Amino acid sequence: MLIVLSILVTLALFLLVVVVHELGHFLAARSVGVRVREF
């Protein structure tokens, strides 16, 4: 059970890192006036 929990936590953290990374792209684009249609 600990292995399954470890995998789920790792995936959740990876998802969080990807979302924060993409948010950086979004904010950078918005800061220079690029129209962003979806995030």
PDB file of N, CA and C in Angstrom:
ATOM      1  N   MET A   1       0.825  -1.202   0.000  1.00  0.00           N
ATOM      2  CA  MET A   1       0.000   0.000   0.000  1.00  0.00           C
ATOM      3  C   MET A   1       0.869   1.266   0.000  1.00  0.00           C
ATOM      4  N   LEU A   2       2.000   1.192   0.669  1.00  0.00           N
ATOM      5  CA  LEU A   2       2.883   2.351   0.730  1.00  0.00           C
ATOM      6  C   LEU A   2       3.418   2.712  -0.651  1.00  0.00           C
ATOM      7  N   ILE A   3       3.651   1.712  -1.479  1.00  0.00           N
ATOM      8  CA  ILE A   3       4.147   1.969  -2.839  1.00  0.00           C
ATOM      9  C   ILE A   3       3.098   2.716  -3.651  1.00  0.00           C
ATOM     10  N   VAL A   4       1.847   2.292  -3.549  1.00  0.00           N
ATOM     11  CA  VAL A   4       0.760   2.949  -4.281  1.00  0.00           C
ATOM     12  C   VAL A   4       0.627   4.396  -3.819  1.00  0.00           C
ATOM     13  N   LEU A   5       0.677   4.607  -2.520  1.00  0.00           N
ATOM     14  CA  LEU A   5       0.577   5.965  -1.985  1.00  0.00           C
ATOM     15  C   LEU A   5       1.752   6.825  -2.454  1.00  0.00           C
ATOM     16  N   SER A   6       2.936   6.260  -2.458  1.00  0.00           N
ATOM     17  CA  SER A   6       4.118   6.988  -2.921  1.00  0.00           C
ATOM     18  C   SER A   6       3.986   7.379  -4.383  1.00  0.00           C
ATOM     19  N   ILE A   7       3.470   6.476  -5.201  1.00  0.00           N
ATOM     20  CA  ILE A   7       3.272   6.766  -6.623  1.00  0.00           C
ATOM     21  C   ILE A   7       2.245   7.878  -6.799  1.00  0.00           C
ATOM     22  N   LEU A   8       1.149   7.811  -6.049  1.00  0.00           N
ATOM     23  CA  LEU A   8       0.113   8.841  -6.161  1.00  0.00           C
ATOM     24  C   LEU A   8       0.633  10.209  -5.718  1.00  0.00           C
ATOM     25  N   VAL A   9       1.388  10.247  -4.650  1.00  0.00           N
ATOM     26  CA  VAL A   9       1.955  11.516  -4.180  1.00  0.00           C
ATOM     27  C   VAL A   9       2.940  12.066  -5.205  1.00  0.00           C
ATOM     28  N   THR A  10       3.759  11.198  -5.774  1.00  0.00           N
ATOM     29  CA  THR A  10       4.715  11.624  -6.796  1.00  0.00           C
ATOM     30  C   THR A  10       3.998  12.195  -8.008  1.00  0.00           C
ATOM     31  N   LEU A  11       2.944  11.531  -8.455  1.00  0.00           N
ATOM     32  CA  LEU A  11       2.180  12.025  -9.603  1.00  0.00           C
ATOM     33  C   LEU A  11       1.515  13.362  -9.291  1.00  0.00           C
ATOM     34  N   ALA A  12       0.976  13.505  -8.086  1.00  0.00           N
ATOM     35  CA  ALA A  12       0.343  14.761  -7.699  1.00  0.00           C
ATOM     36  C   ALA A  12       1.363  15.901  -7.671  1.00  0.00           C
ATOM     37  N   LEU A  13       2.541  15.640  -7.142  1.00  0.00           N
ATOM     38  CA  LEU A  13       3.585  16.667  -7.115  1.00  0.00           C
ATOM     39  C   LEU A  13       4.057  17.017  -8.518  1.00  0.00           C
ATOM     40  N   PHE A  14       4.187  16.015  -9.366  1.00  0.00           N
ATOM     41  CA  PHE A  14       4.580  16.257 -10.754  1.00  0.00           C
ATOM     42  C   PHE A  14       3.536  17.122 -11.452  1.00  0.00           C
ATOM     43  N   LEU A  15       2.260  16.820 -11.239  1.00  0.00           N
ATOM     44  CA  LEU A  15       1.181  17.613 -11.821  1.00  0.00           C
ATOM     45  C   LEU A  15       1.261  19.057 -11.336  1.00  0.00           C
ATOM     46  N   LEU A  16       1.514  19.239 -10.064  1.00  0.00           N
ATOM     47  CA  LEU A  16       1.627  20.587  -9.510  1.00  0.00           C
ATOM     48  C   LEU A  16       2.788  21.354 -10.142  1.00  0.00           C
ATOM     49  N   VAL A  17       3.919  20.696 -10.312  1.00  0.00           N
ATOM     50  CA  VAL A  17       5.085  21.334 -10.928  1.00  0.00           C
ATOM     51  C   VAL A  17       4.779  21.734 -12.366  1.00  0.00           C
ATOM     52  N   VAL A  18       4.102  20.868 -13.110  1.00  0.00           N
ATOM     53  CA  VAL A  18       3.765  21.168 -14.503  1.00  0.00           C
ATOM     54  C   VAL A  18       2.795  22.347 -14.577  1.00  0.00           C
ATOM     55  N   VAL A  19       1.799  22.370 -13.701  1.00  0.00           N
ATOM     56  CA  VAL A  19       0.827  23.469 -13.708  1.00  0.00           C
ATOM     57  C   VAL A  19       1.516  24.798 -13.387  1.00  0.00           C
ATOM     58  N   VAL A  20       2.393  24.803 -12.396  1.00  0.00           N
ATOM     59  CA  VAL A  20       3.116  26.035 -12.052  1.00  0.00           C
ATOM     60  C   VAL A  20       4.013  26.465 -13.212  1.00  0.00           C
ATOM     61  N   HIS A  21       4.660  25.510 -13.866  1.00  0.00           N
ATOM     62  CA  HIS A  21       5.520  25.809 -15.013  1.00  0.00           C
ATOM     63  C   HIS A  21       4.706  26.439 -16.145  1.00  0.00           C
ATOM     64  N   GLU A  22       3.571  25.843 -16.462  1.00  0.00           N
ATOM     65  CA  GLU A  22       2.725  26.373 -17.533  1.00  0.00           C
ATOM     66  C   GLU A  22       2.128  27.719 -17.151  1.00  0.00           C
ATOM     67  N   LEU A  23       1.854  27.914 -15.878  1.00  0.00           N
ATOM     68  CA  LEU A  23       1.370  29.212 -15.415  1.00  0.00           C
ATOM     69  C   LEU A  23       2.420  30.290 -15.671  1.00  0.00           C
ATOM     70  N   GLY A  24       3.681  29.929 -15.546  1.00  0.00           N
ATOM     71  CA  GLY A  24       4.760  30.864 -15.864  1.00  0.00           C
ATOM     72  C   GLY A  24       4.730  31.279 -17.321  1.00  0.00           C
ATOM     73  N   HIS A  25       4.488  30.318 -18.214  1.00  0.00           N
ATOM     74  CA  HIS A  25       4.357  30.640 -19.642  1.00  0.00           C
ATOM     75  C   HIS A  25       3.169  31.584 -19.854  1.00  0.00           C
ATOM     76  N   PHE A  26       2.061  31.272 -19.214  1.00  0.00           N
ATOM     77  CA  PHE A  26       0.844  32.070 -19.332  1.00  0.00           C
ATOM     78  C   PHE A  26       1.089  33.507 -18.880  1.00  0.00           C
ATOM     79  N   LEU A  27       1.697  33.662 -17.720  1.00  0.00           N
ATOM     80  CA  LEU A  27       1.929  35.006 -17.189  1.00  0.00           C
ATOM     81  C   LEU A  27       2.947  35.775 -18.022  1.00  0.00           C
ATOM     82  N   ALA A  28       3.961  35.089 -18.518  1.00  0.00           N
ATOM     83  CA  ALA A  28       4.950  35.751 -19.371  1.00  0.00           C
ATOM     84  C   ALA A  28       4.300  36.241 -20.663  1.00  0.00           C
ATOM     85  N   ALA A  29       3.459  35.418 -21.249  1.00  0.00           N
ATOM     86  CA  ALA A  29       2.772  35.810 -22.484  1.00  0.00           C
ATOM     87  C   ALA A  29       1.857  37.002 -22.237  1.00  0.00           C
ATOM     88  N   ARG A  30       1.103  36.944 -21.146  1.00  0.00           N
ATOM     89  CA  ARG A  30       0.198  38.045 -20.836  1.00  0.00           C
ATOM     90  C   ARG A  30       0.964  39.335 -20.567  1.00  0.00           C
ATOM     91  N   SER A  31       2.139  39.221 -19.962  1.00  0.00           N
ATOM     92  CA  SER A  31       2.895  40.423 -19.601  1.00  0.00           C
ATOM     93  C   SER A  31       3.427  41.163 -20.819  1.00  0.00           C
ATOM     94  N   VAL A  32       3.564  40.473 -21.951  1.00  0.00           N
ATOM     95  CA  VAL A  32       4.037  41.141 -23.164  1.00  0.00           C
ATOM     96  C   VAL A  32       2.913  41.356 -24.169  1.00  0.00           C
ATOM     97  N   GLY A  33       1.669  41.133 -23.731  1.00  0.00           N
ATOM     98  CA  GLY A  33       0.525  41.465 -24.558  1.00  0.00           C
ATOM     99  C   GLY A  33       0.035  40.381 -25.495  1.00  0.00           C
ATOM    100  N   VAL A  34       0.501  39.161 -25.321  1.00  0.00           N
ATOM    101  CA  VAL A  34       0.022  38.066 -26.163  1.00  0.00           C
ATOM    102  C   VAL A  34      -1.341  37.630 -25.647  1.00  0.00           C
ATOM    103  N   ARG A  35      -2.294  37.511 -26.555  1.00  0.00           N
ATOM    104  CA  ARG A  35      -3.630  37.077 -26.165  1.00  0.00           C
ATOM    105  C   ARG A  35      -3.622  35.562 -25.961  1.00  0.00           C
ATOM    106  N   VAL A  36      -4.004  35.140 -24.775  1.00  0.00           N
ATOM    107  CA  VAL A  36      -4.013  33.716 -24.434  1.00  0.00           C
ATOM    108  C   VAL A  36      -5.455  33.241 -24.430  1.00  0.00           C
ATOM    109  N   ARG A  37      -5.747  32.241 -25.265  1.00  0.00           N
ATOM    110  CA  ARG A  37      -7.129  31.767 -25.388  1.00  0.00           C
ATOM    111  C   ARG A  37      -7.467  30.660 -24.407  1.00  0.00           C
ATOM    112  N   GLU A  38      -6.507  29.821 -24.081  1.00  0.00           N
ATOM    113  CA  GLU A  38      -6.788  28.756 -23.113  1.00  0.00           C
ATOM    114  C   GLU A  38      -5.548  28.470 -22.299  1.00  0.00           C
ATOM    115  N   PHE A  39      -5.784  27.930 -21.116  1.00  0.00           N
ATOM    116  CA  PHE A  39      -4.674  27.627 -20.214  1.00  0.00           C
ATOM    117  C   PHE A  39      -4.704  26.166 -19.882  1.00  0.00           C
TER     118      PHE A  39
END
